Amino acid sequence: MTQAVNRVFLQLPGEQISSLARRRRSLALKHQMVVYNSRKQPHQIDLQMRPWVMTRVQESFFYKTCRLLNSALDRIVPLYLHNPQVRQIVPLEPYEDEWLRAANARKLQTPRTVFGRIDATATFAHPRWKDDFWFLEPNEIGIGGVYYIYGTMAMANEWVVPLLKEKIPAFQPRMANDPQRLLFLLMRRHARAIGRPLKRVALVEDCSEPEGTAEFSSVVQSFRRWGLDAFVADPRQVKSRRGEITVRGKPVDLIYRDTELTEMAEMGGRDFSKKFSGMREAFIQNRGISSLAGEFDHKSCWELFTNPQFGHYFTPAQRRLFQKHILWTRLLWERTTTDWNGKSVDLVACTQKNRARLVLKPNRAYGGEGVLFGWAVSQSRWDRALATALREPSQWIVQRAARVHEELFPEIRPNGRVKLEPFFAVTGFAATPDGMAVLGRFSEESVVNVSRRGGLIPVFRL
């Protein structure tokens, strides 16, 4: 099917190609597929003309696999609270530790609801799609794509899908799950579990920065269509008054956040505790999504899953998943550990020696920041990066480098013709009890991220 769709675009006459190019921008604005610069000017997000399609079998497989991985991630909070060795692998700042312990002071908080996205090298047209993929890292707070996943489908449905249906009668894709809807249903589940109604929610993000996405405003519109009072606010506007959580003076039932505690600490400075006392109380009352369990979106979580030292904390099914689809990962400091073959090694020497098969990453950064593939640099460049990382022990991870798949996608060239171009492509899975949404991303670089000149791929069901 992929080759047939590509052929359709290659065979289009010049007039239709020009029409597609003209409509791209107008539809991007209509469907809010834009990001904003510091002057609040919209810039179109690049969107692939050829959508991905996944079969029912593929969707079911990845959904079950992601739910199993989510269940393993959910074990980290109790392990952290009771095991100093776990705390060493997924370290928190002192204020993060204090907030987590305050929320769990009386008993272990449940449910520990997280609305997260797990990034992977999975693709759907690959002949060995079920076996030849790796999970890269977890993203547990304010995941990118809550609106954009839906927006890519809505735009493609109006832009290219009618053309493809006309040219290929067997091509009858359906829109996949809308993550906005999955988030709405998850919040309803959470409210029911803690014994609250779900009438009003606040979506909080740092509103002092003009640039970036406008996903929250789109999500608010969707929530309101579904009968939920919702609005966007800054986390500094969250207050606790006589045990009630208010935002901009309005009582709210739940808060959905796009801000980590480390970001709040930067925003609050010396007055952090005072400025964000309302958020702290909201977490204590278990009224924040993602909960404080979301702070464990460390890349070093993968060490808990790939280090035999921690294997007994997980089920046999989880361990089989780890062995097959979780990249060997170690938090970096001078120590002895096991390599990907289970052999005891000096971690620094092993990292230096095996440059071509490893990658260095900041443990808690995002957007592809600081990622360095060993195969892409010289040994001297790698040694300098390793030395820099060792000056910040436990702030970096070393990981087996995963092969990111390349695919041929149709691109409209400046001369008005369509040409197939190779792009690296990755997926992001957001799986909840009510279903799974899929984010497709592409880039000319092997570090695939929209913030690094990448774009999005619409994902449909076939």
Protein backbone atom coordinates (compact mmCIF):
# COMPACT_ATOMS: atom_id res chain seq x y z
CA MET A 1 0.00 0.00 0.00
CA THR A 2 2.88 2.39 0.80
CA GLN A 3 4.35 2.03 -2.69
CA ALA A 4 0.91 2.46 -4.30
CA VAL A 5 0.30 5.69 -2.39
CA ASN A 6 3.73 7.03 -3.30
CA ARG A 7 3.04 6.27 -6.99
CA VAL A 8 -0.16 8.32 -6.86
CA PHE A 9 1.78 11.42 -5.85
CA LEU A 10 4.54 10.78 -8.40
CA GLN A 11 1.98 10.57 -11.21
CA LEU A 12 0.02 13.71 -10.36
CA PRO A 13 -0.11 16.42 -13.06
CA GLY A 14 1.51 19.75 -12.30
CA GLU A 15 -1.81 21.52 -11.71
CA GLN A 16 -2.83 19.12 -8.92
CA ILE A 17 0.62 19.35 -7.33
CA SER A 18 0.34 23.16 -7.29
CA SER A 19 -3.12 22.90 -5.75
CA LEU A 20 -1.82 20.63 -2.98
CA ALA A 21 1.02 23.04 -2.25
CA ARG A 22 -1.34 26.04 -2.07
CA ARG A 23 -3.82 24.29 0.18
CA ARG A 24 -1.14 23.12 2.62
CA ARG A 25 -0.73 26.53 4.26
CA SER A 26 -4.41 27.48 4.39
CA LEU A 27 -5.33 24.13 5.93
CA ALA A 28 -2.45 24.34 8.41
CA LEU A 29 -3.86 27.65 9.67
CA LYS A 30 -7.43 26.31 9.68
CA HIS A 31 -6.46 23.27 11.75
CA GLN A 32 -3.99 25.18 13.96
CA MET A 33 -1.03 23.11 12.79
CA VAL A 34 1.35 25.94 13.67
CA VAL A 35 3.88 27.02 16.27
CA TYR A 36 4.51 30.61 17.30
CA ASN A 37 7.69 32.65 17.45
CA SER A 38 8.57 35.25 20.11
CA ARG A 39 6.43 37.83 18.28
CA LYS A 40 3.42 35.50 18.30
CA GLN A 41 3.63 34.95 14.56
CA PRO A 42 2.45 31.50 13.38
CA HIS A 43 4.78 29.17 11.51
CA GLN A 44 3.42 26.12 9.76
CA ILE A 45 4.40 22.67 11.06
CA ASP A 46 5.65 20.51 8.21
CA LEU A 47 3.22 17.68 7.47
CA GLN A 48 3.86 14.65 5.29
CA MET A 49 1.54 14.14 2.31
CA ARG A 50 1.66 10.37 2.65
CA PRO A 51 -0.06 9.25 5.84
CA TRP A 52 0.90 6.19 7.82
CA VAL A 53 -1.74 3.50 8.12
CA MET A 54 -1.76 0.83 10.81
CA THR A 55 -3.73 -2.39 10.72
CA ARG A 56 -5.91 -3.62 13.56
CA VAL A 57 -3.28 -6.24 14.35
CA GLN A 58 -0.56 -3.59 14.62
CA GLU A 59 -2.69 -1.27 16.74
CA SER A 60 -3.61 -4.11 19.12
CA PHE A 61 0.02 -5.25 19.44
CA PHE A 62 1.45 -1.82 20.21
CA TYR A 63 -1.42 -0.99 22.57
CA LYS A 64 -0.88 -4.12 24.68
CA THR A 65 2.89 -3.63 24.63
CA CYS A 66 2.67 0.02 25.73
CA ARG A 67 0.19 -0.77 28.49
CA LEU A 68 2.58 -3.41 29.81
CA LEU A 69 5.44 -0.90 29.75
CA ASN A 70 3.24 1.69 31.50
CA SER A 71 2.55 -0.81 34.27
CA ALA A 72 6.30 -1.15 34.79
CA LEU A 73 6.75 2.64 34.90
CA ASP A 74 3.99 2.83 37.51
CA ARG A 75 6.11 0.72 39.88
CA ILE A 76 8.85 3.34 40.08
CA VAL A 77 7.19 5.54 42.75
CA PRO A 78 6.96 2.82 45.44
CA LEU A 79 10.40 1.52 44.50
CA TYR A 80 11.88 5.01 44.78
CA LEU A 81 10.31 5.64 48.18
CA HIS A 82 11.63 2.43 49.71
CA ASN A 83 14.86 1.58 47.88
CA PRO A 84 17.97 3.81 48.02
CA GLN A 85 19.51 1.99 45.05
CA VAL A 86 16.51 2.96 42.91
CA ARG A 87 16.81 6.55 44.13
CA GLN A 88 20.39 6.52 42.86
CA ILE A 89 19.26 5.55 39.33
CA VAL A 90 16.29 7.95 39.06
CA PRO A 91 17.48 10.82 41.29
CA LEU A 92 15.21 13.71 42.19
CA GLU A 93 16.15 17.18 43.35
CA PRO A 94 15.62 17.69 47.11
CA TYR A 95 12.46 19.74 46.58
CA GLU A 96 11.06 17.10 44.20
CA ASP A 97 11.73 14.41 46.80
CA GLU A 98 9.99 16.51 49.48
CA TRP A 99 6.89 17.08 47.32
CA LEU A 100 6.69 13.36 46.45
CA ARG A 101 6.98 12.31 50.10
CA ALA A 102 4.40 14.90 51.16
CA ALA A 103 1.93 13.49 48.63
CA ASN A 104 2.56 9.96 49.94
CA ALA A 105 2.90 10.81 53.65
CA ARG A 106 -0.24 9.09 54.88
CA LYS A 107 -0.23 6.18 52.44
CA LEU A 108 0.94 5.35 48.95
CA GLN A 109 -1.06 7.59 46.65
CA THR A 110 -3.38 5.88 44.17
CA PRO A 111 -4.18 6.16 41.39
CA ARG A 112 -0.88 7.59 40.18
CA THR A 113 -2.41 8.81 36.95
CA VAL A 114 0.01 9.78 34.20
CA PHE A 115 -0.88 10.86 30.68
CA GLY A 116 2.35 10.08 28.91
CA ARG A 117 3.89 9.25 25.57
CA ILE A 118 6.50 6.56 24.97
CA ASP A 119 8.77 7.26 22.00
CA ALA A 120 9.89 4.36 19.83
CA THR A 121 11.60 3.52 16.55
CA ALA A 122 8.51 1.55 15.45
CA THR A 123 7.03 2.11 11.98
CA PHE A 124 4.14 0.38 10.24
CA ALA A 125 5.35 -0.43 6.71
CA HIS A 126 8.50 -2.21 7.87
CA PRO A 127 8.30 -5.96 7.08
CA ARG A 128 9.56 -6.83 10.58
CA TRP A 129 7.52 -4.15 12.35
CA LYS A 130 6.69 -6.43 15.29
CA ASP A 131 10.29 -7.31 16.14
CA ASP A 132 12.60 -4.65 14.75
CA PHE A 133 11.90 -1.67 17.02
CA TRP A 134 13.05 -0.17 20.30
CA PHE A 135 11.42 2.03 22.89
CA LEU A 136 13.60 5.13 23.25
CA GLU A 137 12.37 6.98 26.34
CA PRO A 138 9.29 7.96 28.36
CA ASN A 139 7.64 11.41 28.25
CA GLU A 140 5.29 11.70 31.21
CA ILE A 141 4.36 15.39 31.58
CA GLY A 142 2.66 17.72 29.10
CA ILE A 143 3.39 15.51 26.12
CA GLY A 144 3.65 17.17 22.75
CA GLY A 145 0.92 16.12 20.35
CA VAL A 146 -2.20 16.15 22.55
CA TYR A 147 -3.84 18.31 19.89
CA TYR A 148 -1.40 17.90 17.00
CA ILE A 149 -2.02 14.16 16.64
CA TYR A 150 -5.67 14.93 15.99
CA GLY A 151 -4.80 18.01 13.93
CA THR A 152 -2.59 16.04 11.53
CA MET A 153 -5.39 13.57 10.90
CA ALA A 154 -8.02 16.29 10.45
CA MET A 155 -5.81 18.23 8.05
CA ALA A 156 -4.82 15.14 6.03
CA ASN A 157 -8.47 14.04 5.89
CA GLU A 158 -9.27 17.27 4.10
CA TRP A 159 -6.02 17.64 2.17
CA VAL A 160 -4.83 14.34 0.67
CA VAL A 161 -7.10 11.48 1.81
CA PRO A 162 -9.95 12.27 -0.67
CA LEU A 163 -7.44 12.21 -3.52
CA LEU A 164 -5.98 8.89 -2.40
CA LYS A 165 -9.41 7.32 -1.99
CA GLU A 166 -10.27 8.36 -5.54
CA LYS A 167 -7.05 6.96 -7.01
CA ILE A 168 -6.90 3.78 -4.87
CA PRO A 169 -10.39 2.42 -4.11
CA ALA A 170 -8.95 -0.11 -1.62
CA PHE A 171 -7.44 2.73 0.39
CA GLN A 172 -10.15 3.53 2.95
CA PRO A 173 -8.39 4.84 6.08
CA ARG A 174 -10.23 5.85 9.23
CA MET A 175 -9.08 8.42 11.74
CA ALA A 176 -7.30 6.83 14.70
CA ASN A 177 -7.84 7.76 18.35
CA ASP A 178 -7.88 11.44 19.29
CA PRO A 179 -5.54 11.92 22.29
CA GLN A 180 -7.67 14.85 23.46
CA ARG A 181 -10.55 12.42 23.90
CA LEU A 182 -8.30 9.89 25.63
CA LEU A 183 -7.13 12.60 28.04
CA PHE A 184 -10.73 13.65 28.72
CA LEU A 185 -11.73 10.06 29.50
CA LEU A 186 -8.63 9.55 31.66
CA MET A 187 -9.44 12.66 33.70
CA ARG A 188 -12.98 11.40 34.15
CA ARG A 189 -11.64 8.05 35.39
CA HIS A 190 -9.27 9.80 37.78
CA ALA A 191 -11.94 12.13 39.17
CA ARG A 192 -14.21 9.15 39.79
CA ALA A 193 -11.38 7.27 41.55
CA ILE A 194 -10.70 10.12 44.00
CA GLY A 195 -14.40 10.76 44.57
CA ARG A 196 -14.80 14.08 42.80
CA PRO A 197 -17.12 15.27 40.05
CA LEU A 198 -15.49 16.44 36.83
CA LYS A 199 -17.02 19.79 35.98
CA ARG A 200 -14.10 22.22 35.62
CA VAL A 201 -10.42 21.72 34.82
CA ALA A 202 -7.47 24.04 34.34
CA LEU A 203 -4.72 23.34 31.80
CA VAL A 204 -1.62 24.98 33.26
CA GLU A 205 1.54 26.00 31.43
CA ASP A 206 4.07 28.81 31.66
CA CYS A 207 2.07 31.64 30.10
CA SER A 208 4.93 34.15 30.30
CA GLU A 209 6.58 32.78 27.16
CA PRO A 210 4.92 33.91 23.90
CA GLU A 211 6.59 31.36 21.64
CA GLY A 212 5.87 27.68 21.26
CA THR A 213 2.74 25.66 20.61
CA ALA A 214 -0.87 26.64 21.11
CA GLU A 215 -2.07 23.10 21.77
CA PHE A 216 -3.74 23.94 25.08
CA SER A 217 -6.13 26.46 23.56
CA SER A 218 -7.23 23.82 21.03
CA VAL A 219 -7.64 21.19 23.76
CA VAL A 220 -9.77 23.62 25.77
CA GLN A 221 -12.11 24.05 22.79
CA SER A 222 -12.47 20.27 22.49
CA PHE A 223 -13.14 19.83 26.21
CA ARG A 224 -15.84 22.49 26.08
CA ARG A 225 -17.53 20.71 23.16
CA TRP A 226 -17.70 17.63 25.38
CA GLY A 227 -19.40 19.57 28.19
CA LEU A 228 -16.39 20.23 30.42
CA ASP A 229 -15.61 23.74 31.65
CA ALA A 230 -11.92 24.22 30.84
CA PHE A 231 -9.46 27.08 30.57
CA VAL A 232 -5.73 27.75 30.26
CA ALA A 233 -3.80 29.26 33.17
CA ASP A 234 -0.32 29.70 34.57
CA PRO A 235 0.79 27.33 37.39
CA ARG A 236 1.49 30.40 39.53
CA GLN A 237 -2.26 31.08 39.46
CA VAL A 238 -3.08 27.82 41.25
CA LYS A 239 -4.05 28.51 44.88
CA SER A 240 -5.22 26.54 47.89
CA ARG A 241 -7.97 28.19 49.94
CA ARG A 242 -9.45 26.38 52.92
CA GLY A 243 -8.56 23.05 51.39
CA GLU A 244 -10.07 23.91 48.00
CA ILE A 245 -7.96 24.23 44.84
CA THR A 246 -8.69 27.34 42.82
CA VAL A 247 -7.22 28.70 39.60
CA ARG A 248 -7.72 32.37 38.76
CA GLY A 249 -10.24 32.44 41.60
CA LYS A 250 -12.33 29.54 40.22
CA PRO A 251 -12.63 26.19 42.03
CA VAL A 252 -11.34 23.37 39.80
CA ASP A 253 -11.66 19.63 40.07
CA LEU A 254 -8.45 18.65 38.27
CA ILE A 255 -5.36 20.25 36.79
CA TYR A 256 -3.63 19.06 33.64
CA ARG A 257 -0.06 20.37 33.54
CA ASP A 258 2.65 21.05 31.00
CA THR A 259 5.20 22.07 33.64
CA GLU A 260 7.67 19.88 35.52
CA LEU A 261 8.73 20.67 39.08
CA THR A 262 12.21 21.57 37.86
CA GLU A 263 10.66 24.17 35.54
CA MET A 264 8.54 25.56 38.38
CA ALA A 265 11.68 25.88 40.49
CA GLU A 266 13.33 27.93 37.72
CA MET A 267 10.21 30.08 37.38
CA GLY A 268 9.84 30.62 41.13
CA GLY A 269 13.45 31.23 42.15
CA ARG A 270 13.83 31.84 45.87
CA ASP A 271 10.05 32.14 46.25
CA PHE A 272 9.43 28.73 44.65
CA SER A 273 7.66 27.21 47.66
CA LYS A 274 5.40 30.23 48.11
CA LYS A 275 4.57 30.81 44.43
CA PHE A 276 3.67 27.19 43.84
CA SER A 277 2.07 26.24 47.17
CA GLY A 278 -1.23 25.75 45.35
CA MET A 279 0.30 23.24 42.96
CA ARG A 280 1.87 21.41 45.89
CA GLU A 281 -1.49 21.11 47.62
CA ALA A 282 -3.12 19.96 44.38
CA PHE A 283 -0.59 17.11 44.17
CA ILE A 284 -1.13 16.21 47.83
CA GLN A 285 -4.87 15.95 47.10
CA ASN A 286 -4.04 13.88 43.98
CA ARG A 287 -5.71 16.36 41.68
CA GLY A 288 -2.88 16.88 39.18
CA ILE A 289 -2.42 15.04 35.89
CA SER A 290 0.20 13.93 35.33
CA SER A 291 0.64 13.12 39.02
CA LEU A 292 4.03 13.40 40.68
CA ALA A 293 4.77 9.96 39.22
CA GLY A 294 5.32 11.93 36.01
CA GLU A 295 8.53 13.40 37.43
CA PHE A 296 10.09 10.01 36.70
CA ASP A 297 10.37 10.63 32.99
CA HIS A 298 14.11 10.14 33.34
CA LYS A 299 15.78 8.34 30.48
CA SER A 300 17.57 6.38 33.22
CA CYS A 301 14.28 4.58 33.95
CA TRP A 302 15.50 2.25 31.22
CA GLU A 303 18.38 1.21 33.52
CA LEU A 304 15.85 -0.09 36.04
CA PHE A 305 14.51 -2.25 33.21
CA THR A 306 17.84 -3.42 31.74
CA ASN A 307 20.04 -3.85 34.83
CA PRO A 308 19.73 -7.41 36.27
CA GLN A 309 20.10 -5.86 39.73
CA PHE A 310 16.48 -4.66 39.54
CA GLY A 311 14.92 -7.48 37.51
CA HIS A 312 13.15 -9.15 40.45
CA TYR A 313 10.93 -6.09 40.91
CA PHE A 314 9.14 -6.77 37.64
CA THR A 315 6.90 -9.50 36.27
CA PRO A 316 8.08 -12.19 33.84
CA ALA A 317 6.03 -10.57 31.06
CA GLN A 318 7.60 -7.18 31.75
CA ARG A 319 11.10 -8.67 31.76
CA ARG A 320 10.50 -10.34 28.40
CA LEU A 321 9.42 -6.97 27.02
CA PHE A 322 12.52 -5.29 28.46
CA GLN A 323 14.82 -7.88 26.91
CA LYS A 324 13.31 -7.53 23.45
CA HIS A 325 12.44 -3.83 23.11
CA ILE A 326 14.19 -1.73 25.81
CA LEU A 327 17.60 -0.29 24.99
CA TRP A 328 20.48 -1.06 27.35
CA THR A 329 20.89 2.15 29.37
CA ARG A 330 23.10 3.26 32.27
CA LEU A 331 23.14 6.47 34.29
CA LEU A 332 26.65 7.76 33.85
CA TRP A 333 29.16 8.04 36.64
CA GLU A 334 32.41 6.23 37.44
CA ARG A 335 31.34 2.76 38.55
CA THR A 336 31.25 -0.94 37.70
CA THR A 337 28.09 -2.34 36.12
CA THR A 338 27.02 -4.86 33.49
CA ASP A 339 27.14 -4.26 29.73
CA TRP A 340 24.51 -5.35 27.17
CA ASN A 341 25.92 -8.90 27.27
CA GLY A 342 25.66 -9.13 31.05
CA LYS A 343 29.42 -8.85 31.50
CA SER A 344 30.80 -6.81 34.42
CA VAL A 345 32.60 -3.73 33.08
CA ASP A 346 34.00 -0.37 34.08
CA LEU A 347 31.24 1.91 32.76
CA VAL A 348 33.51 4.80 31.71
CA ALA A 349 36.01 2.56 29.92
CA CYS A 350 33.18 0.65 28.25
CA THR A 351 31.58 3.89 27.08
CA GLN A 352 34.86 5.21 25.70
CA LYS A 353 35.73 1.96 23.91
CA ASN A 354 32.32 1.31 22.30
CA ARG A 355 31.67 4.75 20.79
CA ALA A 356 30.24 3.40 17.52
CA ARG A 357 27.39 1.51 19.20
CA LEU A 358 26.44 4.04 21.90
CA VAL A 359 24.74 7.40 22.35
CA LEU A 360 25.10 10.03 25.09
CA LYS A 361 21.99 11.90 26.27
CA PRO A 362 21.16 14.36 29.07
CA ASN A 363 19.06 12.34 31.49
CA ARG A 364 16.19 14.80 31.88
CA ALA A 365 16.34 17.11 28.86
CA TYR A 366 13.87 16.86 25.98
CA GLY A 367 13.46 17.98 22.37
CA GLY A 368 16.60 16.11 21.29
CA GLU A 369 18.78 18.50 23.31
CA GLY A 370 22.38 17.37 23.76
CA VAL A 371 21.99 13.96 22.09
CA LEU A 372 25.28 12.70 20.63
CA PHE A 373 25.54 9.53 18.53
CA GLY A 374 28.97 7.95 18.81
CA TRP A 375 28.98 6.68 15.23
CA ALA A 376 28.45 10.25 13.95
CA VAL A 377 31.51 11.83 15.64
CA SER A 378 35.24 11.26 15.93
CA GLN A 379 36.78 9.49 18.90
CA SER A 380 38.27 12.76 20.15
CA ARG A 381 34.86 14.50 19.99
CA TRP A 382 33.31 11.55 21.85
CA ASP A 383 36.01 11.61 24.54
CA ARG A 384 35.45 15.33 25.11
CA ALA A 385 31.70 14.83 25.44
CA LEU A 386 32.24 11.95 27.86
CA ALA A 387 34.56 14.07 29.98
CA THR A 388 31.96 16.84 30.08
CA ALA A 389 29.27 14.37 31.14
CA LEU A 390 31.48 12.97 33.91
CA ARG A 391 31.85 16.47 35.37
CA GLU A 392 28.09 16.28 35.95
CA PRO A 393 27.71 12.79 37.43
CA SER A 394 24.21 11.27 37.27
CA GLN A 395 23.05 13.98 34.84
CA TRP A 396 23.73 11.99 31.65
CA ILE A 397 22.97 8.51 30.39
CA VAL A 398 24.78 6.24 27.98
CA GLN A 399 22.55 4.04 25.84
CA ARG A 400 22.81 1.51 23.06
CA ALA A 401 22.14 3.40 19.84
CA ALA A 402 18.97 2.27 18.10
CA ARG A 403 18.72 2.14 14.34
CA VAL A 404 16.08 4.65 13.24
CA HIS A 405 14.23 3.51 10.13
CA GLU A 406 14.29 5.56 6.93
CA GLU A 407 11.27 5.75 4.63
CA LEU A 408 10.65 7.31 1.25
CA PHE A 409 8.05 10.08 1.37
CA PRO A 410 6.73 12.22 -1.51
CA GLU A 411 7.98 15.80 -1.34
CA ILE A 412 6.93 18.77 -3.48
CA ARG A 413 10.17 20.24 -4.83
CA PRO A 414 10.75 23.96 -5.65
CA ASN A 415 10.37 23.13 -9.37
CA GLY A 416 6.76 22.05 -8.74
CA ARG A 417 7.40 18.33 -9.14
CA VAL A 418 7.05 15.49 -6.65
CA LYS A 419 10.10 13.46 -5.74
CA LEU A 420 10.54 10.63 -3.25
CA GLU A 421 12.93 11.67 -0.49
CA PRO A 422 14.31 9.56 2.40
CA PHE A 423 13.45 10.68 5.93
CA PHE A 424 14.07 9.18 9.34
CA ALA A 425 10.78 8.37 11.08
CA VAL A 426 9.77 7.50 14.64
CA THR A 427 6.59 6.99 16.63
CA GLY A 428 5.20 8.15 19.95
CA PHE A 429 2.52 6.05 21.68
CA ALA A 430 0.07 7.48 24.23
CA ALA A 431 -1.79 4.49 25.67
CA THR A 432 -4.55 4.76 28.29
CA PRO A 433 -7.23 2.33 29.54
CA ASP A 434 -9.50 3.70 26.79
CA GLY A 435 -7.19 3.33 23.80
CA MET A 436 -3.99 4.52 22.17
CA ALA A 437 -3.06 7.56 20.12
CA VAL A 438 -0.02 7.58 17.84
CA LEU A 439 2.30 10.45 16.97
CA GLY A 440 4.30 10.08 13.76
CA ARG A 441 7.40 12.25 13.28
CA PHE A 442 9.98 12.59 10.52
CA SER A 443 13.24 14.45 9.96
CA GLU A 444 16.31 14.57 7.78
CA GLU A 445 18.30 14.03 11.00
CA SER A 446 18.46 10.77 12.94
CA VAL A 447 17.44 12.72 16.07
CA VAL A 448 13.81 13.12 15.06
CA ASN A 449 12.03 16.03 16.69
CA VAL A 450 9.78 18.86 15.53
CA SER A 451 11.97 21.30 17.45
CA ARG A 452 14.92 20.20 15.29
CA ARG A 453 13.46 20.97 11.84
CA GLY A 454 11.32 17.85 11.83
CA GLY A 455 7.65 17.42 10.99
CA LEU A 456 4.61 15.25 11.61
CA ILE A 457 3.09 12.23 9.89
CA PRO A 458 -0.69 11.68 10.02
CA VAL A 459 -1.48 8.20 11.40
CA PHE A 460 -4.68 6.46 10.33
CA ARG A 461 -6.30 3.08 10.85
CA LEU A 462 -6.60 0.90 7.76
